[in-house]
Protein backbone atom coordinates (compact mmCIF):
# COMPACT_ATOMS: atom_id res chain seq x y z
CA UNK A 1 -27.98 29.47 -77.44
CA UNK A 2 -26.10 27.18 -79.70
CA UNK A 3 -23.29 28.49 -82.03
CA UNK A 4 -23.14 27.44 -85.60
CA UNK A 5 -20.36 28.42 -87.77
CA UNK A 6 -20.68 27.82 -91.65
CA UNK A 7 -17.67 25.75 -93.45
CA UNK A 8 -15.02 27.62 -95.46
CA UNK A 9 -12.84 24.95 -96.84
CA UNK A 10 -10.95 26.97 -99.62
CA UNK A 11 -9.85 30.24 -100.77
CA UNK A 12 -8.51 31.38 -104.07
CA UNK A 13 -6.11 34.44 -105.22
CA UNK A 14 -5.64 36.05 -108.55
CA UNK A 15 -3.23 33.76 -110.71
CA UNK A 16 -3.02 30.77 -108.03
CA UNK A 17 -4.92 27.86 -107.35
CA UNK A 18 -7.48 27.53 -104.52
CA UNK A 19 -5.75 26.94 -100.98
CA UNK A 20 -7.33 24.95 -97.74
CA UNK A 21 -7.74 27.27 -94.91
CA UNK A 22 -7.59 26.48 -91.30
CA UNK A 23 -10.53 27.18 -89.31
CA UNK A 24 -10.24 30.61 -87.45
CA UNK A 25 -10.53 29.71 -83.69
CA UNK A 26 -13.79 30.67 -81.86
CA UNK A 27 -13.19 33.23 -78.88
CA UNK A 28 -16.34 32.78 -76.50
CA UNK A 29 -17.35 33.98 -73.04
CA UNK A 30 -17.79 30.19 -72.43
CA UNK A 31 -16.86 26.87 -72.74
CA UNK A 32 -18.43 24.89 -75.62
CA UNK A 33 -21.32 22.27 -75.56
CA UNK A 34 -22.38 19.57 -77.40
CA UNK A 35 -24.78 21.75 -79.52
CA UNK A 36 -22.37 24.07 -80.74
CA UNK A 37 -21.30 23.24 -84.67
CA UNK A 38 -18.35 24.04 -86.42
CA UNK A 39 -15.92 22.83 -88.73
CA UNK A 40 -13.81 19.77 -87.40
CA UNK A 41 -10.48 20.85 -86.15
CA UNK A 42 -11.85 24.32 -84.74
CA UNK A 43 -10.22 25.57 -81.86
CA UNK A 44 -12.50 26.96 -78.95
CA UNK A 45 -11.21 29.45 -76.56
CA UNK A 46 -13.16 29.80 -73.17
CA UNK A 47 -11.81 33.32 -72.40
CA UNK A 48 -13.00 33.55 -68.90
CA UNK A 49 -11.76 30.05 -67.74
CA UNK A 50 -8.43 30.81 -69.67
CA UNK A 51 -9.04 27.26 -71.47
CA UNK A 52 -9.16 25.72 -74.98
CA UNK A 53 -10.84 22.88 -76.88
CA UNK A 54 -10.80 20.96 -80.02
CA UNK A 55 -14.04 19.90 -81.90
CA UNK A 56 -13.23 16.23 -82.96
CA UNK A 57 -16.55 15.08 -84.34
CA UNK A 58 -20.17 15.44 -84.82
CA UNK A 59 -22.16 12.31 -84.71
CA UNK A 60 -25.87 12.41 -84.63
CA UNK A 61 -26.19 15.94 -84.21
CA UNK A 62 -23.80 15.62 -81.09
CA UNK A 63 -20.73 17.71 -80.87
CA UNK A 64 -17.34 16.30 -79.42
CA UNK A 65 -15.28 19.02 -77.95
CA UNK A 66 -11.92 17.66 -76.24
CA UNK A 67 -10.59 19.91 -73.61
CA UNK A 68 -6.70 20.80 -74.26
CA UNK A 69 -6.23 23.64 -71.63
CA UNK A 70 -7.06 23.63 -67.86
CA UNK A 71 -9.71 22.40 -65.86
CA UNK A 72 -10.75 18.41 -66.72
CA UNK A 73 -10.25 16.71 -69.71
CA UNK A 74 -10.90 13.04 -70.97
CA UNK A 75 -7.47 11.09 -72.28
CA UNK A 76 -7.12 7.75 -73.76
CA UNK A 77 -2.85 7.82 -72.59
CA UNK A 78 -1.44 10.15 -70.52
CA UNK A 79 2.46 10.33 -70.55
CA UNK A 80 4.00 12.95 -68.37
CA UNK A 81 8.02 13.09 -68.92
CA UNK A 82 8.60 16.08 -66.18
CA UNK A 83 6.94 16.99 -63.24
CA UNK A 84 3.11 17.17 -62.93
CA UNK A 85 1.32 19.26 -60.52
CA UNK A 86 -2.09 18.24 -59.65
CA UNK A 87 -4.02 20.94 -57.54
CA UNK A 88 -6.51 18.82 -55.98
CA UNK A 89 -7.34 15.15 -56.96
CA UNK A 90 -6.29 12.69 -59.22
CA UNK A 91 -9.00 10.20 -59.99
CA UNK A 92 -8.55 6.80 -61.84
CA UNK A 93 -11.69 5.36 -62.68
CA UNK A 94 -10.29 2.28 -64.44
CA UNK A 95 -7.15 0.67 -65.72
CA UNK A 96 -3.74 1.26 -63.98
CA UNK A 97 -1.50 4.38 -62.93
CA UNK A 98 2.11 3.33 -63.59
CA UNK A 99 4.73 5.47 -61.95
CA UNK A 100 8.35 5.50 -62.88
CA UNK A 101 11.38 5.06 -60.64
CA UNK A 102 9.71 2.77 -58.25
CA UNK A 103 11.03 0.02 -56.17
CA UNK A 104 9.84 -3.57 -57.48
CA UNK A 105 6.64 -4.71 -55.72
CA UNK A 106 7.16 -1.97 -53.53
CA UNK A 107 4.64 -0.02 -51.05
CA UNK A 108 4.26 3.77 -51.45
CA UNK A 109 4.72 6.11 -48.46
CA UNK A 110 4.84 9.91 -48.24
CA UNK A 111 8.02 11.95 -46.75
CA UNK A 112 7.28 14.95 -44.59
CA UNK A 113 7.57 17.08 -47.43
CA UNK A 114 5.05 15.29 -49.28
CA UNK A 115 7.11 13.50 -51.50
CA UNK A 116 5.81 9.96 -52.55
CA UNK A 117 8.47 7.36 -52.30
CA UNK A 118 8.41 3.57 -52.90
CA UNK A 119 10.01 1.31 -50.75
CA UNK A 120 10.19 -2.74 -50.70
CA UNK A 121 10.97 -5.00 -47.81
CA UNK A 122 12.42 -8.17 -47.28
CA UNK A 123 10.64 -11.61 -46.20
CA UNK A 124 8.75 -11.02 -42.95
CA UNK A 125 8.93 -7.38 -42.53
CA UNK A 126 6.76 -4.81 -41.23
CA UNK A 127 6.33 -1.27 -41.74
CA UNK A 128 6.90 0.42 -38.19
CA UNK A 129 5.92 4.02 -37.54
CA UNK A 130 7.93 6.39 -35.66
CA UNK A 131 6.80 9.26 -33.80
CA UNK A 132 7.58 12.48 -35.96
CA UNK A 133 9.44 10.67 -38.62
CA UNK A 134 8.61 8.69 -41.54
CA UNK A 135 7.50 5.10 -41.32
CA UNK A 136 10.41 2.19 -42.03
CA UNK A 137 10.54 -1.32 -42.71
CA UNK A 138 11.67 -3.24 -39.52
CA UNK A 139 12.21 -6.89 -38.65
CA UNK A 140 10.31 -8.19 -35.56
CA UNK A 141 12.90 -10.06 -32.90
CA UNK A 142 12.58 -11.69 -29.53
CA UNK A 143 14.97 -9.63 -27.17
CA UNK A 144 15.30 -12.68 -24.79
CA UNK A 145 15.04 -15.60 -27.03
CA UNK A 146 11.55 -16.53 -25.66
CA UNK A 147 9.99 -16.69 -29.02
CA UNK A 148 10.95 -18.11 -32.23
CA UNK A 149 10.40 -16.04 -35.32
CA UNK A 150 10.15 -17.43 -38.97
CA UNK A 151 10.38 -14.83 -41.72
CA UNK A 152 8.86 -15.48 -45.30
CA UNK A 153 7.49 -14.08 -47.95
CA UNK A 154 4.31 -12.36 -46.81
CA UNK A 155 4.39 -14.34 -43.46
CA UNK A 156 5.38 -13.92 -39.74
CA UNK A 157 5.45 -17.01 -37.77
CA UNK A 158 5.58 -16.69 -34.08
CA UNK A 159 6.10 -19.91 -31.75
CA UNK A 160 7.33 -20.46 -28.30
CA UNK A 161 10.83 -21.52 -28.39
CA UNK A 162 10.99 -23.32 -24.88
CA UNK A 163 14.20 -21.33 -24.35
CA UNK A 164 14.82 -19.89 -21.02
CA UNK A 165 13.57 -16.04 -20.87
CA UNK A 166 14.61 -16.07 -17.08
CA UNK A 167 15.25 -18.17 -14.04
CA UNK A 168 13.68 -17.75 -10.56
CA UNK A 169 16.26 -18.70 -7.78
CA UNK A 170 14.10 -20.37 -4.86
CA UNK A 171 14.84 -21.18 -1.40
CA UNK A 172 15.04 -25.01 -2.19
CA UNK A 173 16.33 -24.68 -6.22
CA UNK A 174 16.01 -22.53 -9.45
CA UNK A 175 12.64 -22.46 -11.20
CA UNK A 176 13.04 -22.50 -15.04
CA UNK A 177 10.00 -21.51 -17.20
CA UNK A 178 8.88 -24.07 -19.42
CA UNK A 179 7.63 -22.75 -22.91
CA UNK A 180 8.22 -19.47 -21.60
CA UNK A 181 5.49 -19.65 -18.77
CA UNK A 182 6.49 -20.31 -14.91
CA UNK A 183 3.69 -22.00 -12.53
CA UNK A 184 3.22 -20.46 -9.10
CA UNK A 185 2.00 -23.09 -6.85
CA UNK A 186 1.20 -22.89 -3.13
CA UNK A 187 3.58 -24.77 -0.65
CA UNK A 188 3.01 -25.57 2.93
CA UNK A 189 0.82 -23.09 4.75
CA UNK A 190 0.71 -21.19 1.25
CA UNK A 191 -1.79 -20.54 -1.71
CA UNK A 192 -1.85 -18.68 -4.90
CA UNK A 193 -4.40 -16.74 -7.01
CA UNK A 194 -4.25 -15.52 -10.43
CA UNK A 195 -6.71 -12.99 -12.26
CA UNK A 196 -5.69 -10.93 -15.24
CA UNK A 197 -1.96 -9.97 -15.25
CA UNK A 198 -1.84 -10.24 -11.17
CA UNK A 199 -0.49 -13.37 -9.35
CA UNK A 200 -1.70 -13.16 -5.50
CA UNK A 201 0.42 -15.28 -2.94
CA UNK A 202 -1.59 -15.81 0.32
CA UNK A 203 -0.93 -17.36 3.73
CA UNK A 204 -3.42 -19.79 5.27
CA UNK A 205 -5.65 -18.62 7.63
CA UNK A 206 -4.86 -21.27 9.80
CA UNK A 207 -1.08 -22.08 9.18
CA UNK A 208 0.69 -25.00 10.28
CA UNK A 209 4.29 -25.44 11.23
CA UNK A 210 6.44 -28.61 11.13
CA UNK A 211 9.58 -26.61 12.98
CA UNK A 212 10.24 -23.36 14.69
CA UNK A 213 8.64 -20.18 14.56
CA UNK A 214 11.24 -17.21 14.77
CA UNK A 215 10.00 -13.43 15.32
CA UNK A 216 12.55 -10.97 15.56
CA UNK A 217 10.38 -8.17 16.68
CA UNK A 218 7.62 -9.89 18.49
CA UNK A 219 4.50 -11.77 17.67
CA UNK A 220 1.38 -10.14 18.03
CA UNK A 221 -1.95 -12.23 17.89
CA UNK A 222 -5.07 -10.44 16.98
CA UNK A 223 -8.43 -11.05 16.67
CA UNK A 224 -11.60 -11.48 18.38
CA UNK A 225 -11.27 -15.41 18.98
CA UNK A 226 -9.36 -16.80 21.87
CA UNK A 227 -5.82 -17.43 21.30
CA UNK A 228 -4.67 -21.22 22.14
CA UNK A 229 -1.37 -22.57 21.97
CA UNK A 230 -1.45 -26.78 21.93
CA UNK A 231 1.22 -29.15 21.72
CA UNK A 232 0.40 -32.90 21.09
CA UNK A 233 4.26 -33.94 21.63
CA UNK A 234 4.55 -36.35 24.70
CA UNK A 235 7.75 -35.09 25.96
CA UNK A 236 9.26 -32.62 28.65
CA UNK A 237 8.82 -28.93 27.45
CA UNK A 238 6.91 -29.57 24.80
CA UNK A 239 5.31 -25.88 25.08
CA UNK A 240 8.96 -23.82 26.10
CA UNK A 241 8.75 -20.18 26.67
CA UNK A 242 12.39 -19.19 26.71
CA UNK A 243 14.26 -15.57 27.04
CA UNK A 244 18.14 -15.53 26.29
CA UNK A 245 19.10 -12.21 25.66
CA UNK A 246 21.06 -10.97 28.93
CA UNK A 247 20.89 -9.94 32.41
CA UNK A 248 17.95 -7.56 32.04
CA UNK A 249 15.71 -9.92 30.14
CA UNK A 250 12.14 -10.84 31.63
CA UNK A 251 9.32 -12.80 30.71
CA UNK A 252 6.18 -11.05 31.37
CA UNK A 253 2.53 -12.80 31.44
CA UNK A 254 0.14 -9.46 31.66
CA UNK A 255 -3.62 -9.48 31.58
CA UNK A 256 -4.67 -5.94 31.36
CA UNK A 257 -8.22 -5.91 32.10
CA UNK A 258 -9.37 -9.23 33.90
CA UNK A 259 -10.52 -8.85 37.33
CA UNK A 260 -11.41 -12.30 38.58
CA UNK A 261 -9.19 -14.73 40.73
CA UNK A 262 -8.26 -16.40 37.39
CA UNK A 263 -7.19 -13.61 35.61
CA UNK A 264 -3.60 -15.12 35.21
CA UNK A 265 -4.60 -18.63 35.63
CA UNK A 266 -2.12 -21.51 35.93
CA UNK A 267 -2.98 -24.83 36.47
CA UNK A 268 -2.45 -28.73 35.88
CA UNK A 269 -5.30 -31.24 35.32
CA UNK A 270 -3.15 -34.35 36.35
CA UNK A 271 0.38 -33.09 37.90
CA UNK A 272 1.59 -30.28 39.89
CA UNK A 273 2.92 -26.66 39.46
CA UNK A 274 6.43 -26.10 40.26
CA UNK A 275 8.08 -22.62 40.92
CA UNK A 276 11.68 -22.40 40.61
CA UNK A 277 13.73 -19.56 41.57
CA UNK A 278 16.83 -21.24 40.99
CA UNK A 279 19.92 -21.05 43.63
CA UNK A 280 18.73 -17.61 44.56
CA UNK A 281 15.15 -18.83 45.67
CA UNK A 282 13.50 -15.76 44.85
CA UNK A 283 10.02 -16.33 44.37
CA UNK A 284 8.12 -13.30 44.77
CA UNK A 285 4.52 -13.08 45.44
CA UNK A 286 3.08 -9.20 45.62
CA UNK A 287 0.00 -9.42 47.92
CA UNK A 288 -2.99 -6.93 48.22
CA UNK A 289 -2.56 -4.64 51.42
CA UNK A 290 -4.50 -2.95 53.88
CA UNK A 291 -3.93 -0.82 56.90
CA UNK A 292 -5.55 0.93 59.76
CA UNK A 293 -5.89 1.14 63.57
CA UNK A 294 -7.06 -1.72 65.61
CA UNK A 295 -7.00 -5.59 65.05
CA UNK A 296 -10.16 -5.63 62.92
CA UNK A 297 -9.38 -4.93 58.79
CA UNK A 298 -10.92 -5.92 55.35
CA UNK A 299 -9.00 -6.97 52.53
CA UNK A 300 -10.71 -9.29 49.82
CA UNK A 301 -7.61 -11.22 48.48
CA UNK A 302 -5.96 -14.64 48.31
CA UNK A 303 -2.42 -13.35 48.88
CA UNK A 304 -2.47 -10.40 51.73
CA UNK A 305 -1.28 -8.29 54.32
CA UNK A 306 -2.55 -6.26 56.78
CA UNK A 307 -1.02 -3.60 58.74
CA UNK A 308 -2.52 -3.02 62.52
CA UNK A 309 -1.67 -0.14 64.19
CA UNK A 310 -2.03 1.14 67.89
CA UNK A 311 -1.77 -2.85 69.06
CA UNK A 312 -0.39 -2.81 72.82
CA UNK A 313 -0.89 -6.38 73.72
CA UNK A 314 0.43 -6.79 77.20
CA UNK A 315 3.25 -9.39 78.03
CA UNK A 316 1.49 -12.64 78.52
CA UNK A 317 -1.84 -11.56 76.94
CA UNK A 318 -3.80 -12.62 73.88
CA UNK A 319 -4.91 -10.86 70.70
CA UNK A 320 -7.45 -12.23 68.10
CA UNK A 321 -7.06 -10.42 65.01
CA UNK A 322 -9.76 -10.31 62.26
CA UNK A 323 -9.70 -10.26 58.67
CA UNK A 324 -12.86 -10.01 56.43
CA UNK A 325 -11.96 -11.44 53.34
CA UNK A 326 -14.49 -12.63 50.44
CA UNK A 327 -11.90 -15.12 49.26
CA UNK A 328 -12.01 -17.22 52.50
CA UNK A 329 -14.59 -19.72 53.04
CA UNK A 330 -15.07 -22.12 56.42
CA UNK A 331 -13.40 -24.95 54.73
CA UNK A 332 -10.12 -22.71 53.32
CA UNK A 333 -6.78 -23.73 54.06
CA UNK A 334 -4.84 -20.49 54.58
CA UNK A 335 -1.00 -19.97 55.38
CA UNK A 336 -0.60 -17.18 57.94
CA UNK A 337 2.40 -15.25 59.50
CA UNK A 338 2.37 -12.86 62.29
CA UNK A 339 5.35 -10.24 63.24
CA UNK A 340 5.98 -7.25 65.19
CA UNK A 341 7.72 -4.29 63.99
CA UNK A 342 8.16 -2.36 67.40
CA UNK A 343 11.11 -2.13 69.80
CA UNK A 344 9.94 -3.56 72.89
CA UNK A 345 10.49 -7.31 73.55
CA UNK A 346 6.89 -8.62 72.16
CA UNK A 347 6.78 -11.94 70.85
CA UNK A 348 3.46 -12.61 69.13
CA UNK A 349 3.18 -15.96 68.78
CA UNK A 350 0.68 -17.78 66.22
CA UNK A 351 -1.88 -19.54 68.33
CA UNK A 352 -4.52 -20.67 65.86
CA UNK A 353 -6.16 -19.58 62.65
CA UNK A 354 -9.92 -19.99 62.10
CA UNK A 355 -11.58 -19.51 58.80
CA UNK A 356 -15.27 -18.82 58.38
CA UNK A 357 -17.41 -17.60 55.38
CA UNK A 358 -15.91 -14.43 54.33
CA UNK A 359 -13.55 -13.92 56.91
CA UNK A 360 -10.93 -15.31 59.33
CA UNK A 361 -9.53 -14.78 62.79
CA UNK A 362 -5.67 -15.09 63.84
CA UNK A 363 -5.10 -16.00 67.80
CA UNK A 364 -2.01 -14.48 68.96
CA UNK A 365 -0.44 -14.54 72.34
CA UNK A 366 2.85 -12.09 73.35
CA UNK A 367 5.14 -14.34 74.94
CA UNK A 368 7.63 -11.49 75.40
CA UNK A 369 8.83 -9.43 78.38
CA UNK A 370 7.17 -6.36 77.42
CA UNK A 371 3.65 -4.87 75.69
CA UNK A 372 3.62 -4.50 71.80
CA UNK A 373 4.62 -1.05 70.93
CA UNK A 374 4.65 -1.28 66.84
CA UNK A 375 2.69 -2.16 64.11
CA UNK A 376 1.56 -5.99 63.84
CA UNK A 377 2.02 -7.46 60.25
CA UNK A 378 -0.17 -10.39 59.46
CA UNK A 379 0.38 -11.96 56.17
CA UNK A 380 -1.81 -14.83 54.51
CA UNK A 381 -2.00 -17.10 51.45
CA UNK A 382 -5.54 -18.53 50.87
CA UNK A 383 -4.67 -21.72 49.32
CA UNK A 384 -8.37 -22.82 48.10
């Protein structure tokens, strides 16, 4: 319900002239509204909200009450000379908010205690944050000199300086980055690839060496394809396997699982094969062996030795030994030796070697003065 107070402009006392009386404050249980009427200058006290208002005008039946206490209010100008505490938010709908004691053309920030402060940087500076600390003005620098930094008013210009950021000592010189960049190129048998921040250096799948290849711990050649060592040099020893480590050294050519005659094959198309045992003459051929009673034994081997027990060939008599061997053909050339290890004067001499398909015969005669009484050993090499 709107409030309406009759105006009382003056009062008079006995023996005196009329005196103007300031309006008595209106004490109410609410804030005034624009339909509440009173004399201009009347104070309205809003008891529940602990607030005060002044009536400043009534125009076209609309009262204007200006808040003078807590809560909100509309001010044409506000000058705070001391400390001001704002409970929630300060809203500026138009115009400027001027704060004293500020840096010239500065930037506002707050401390951990909530104090607003104004600081101004110099040309090209940036505000840089810090964990658990207030941000501060900082200047961008290039630690290795690879970037030139030009600081200007509200500008920061970064350019590659062309200065050497670092160097890369190489086997054939020193690589110096140009304009801050280093190019990684492949060389002989090497390629390079780049993706993102990663550079990869690869060895060619089929490298070609112009010089020697030295392997300190060995050379393992793995793969499903055959391994071939080829040389096109027309000179002696153009492929050379050389051991020079000491008296215990060996060179071993070893086939683990090959089970044919050519499991390890040394051949020459137009020339020969030389086995040189140097001054000692030591060239060892390890034969296949077989032992048994009687003059007939079987052993499939190009290099072999058969031990025949129970041979008692009489003096002057002949003895024929038969070796069944599928490495032998009717046209095979065979080197054969015969020896007797008995104590008697049995002198077996080789009379004839007769090859046939899958077998060969060794015909001997005892030219000694006594019958054989020990084992007879026949050794052979099948040449073809």
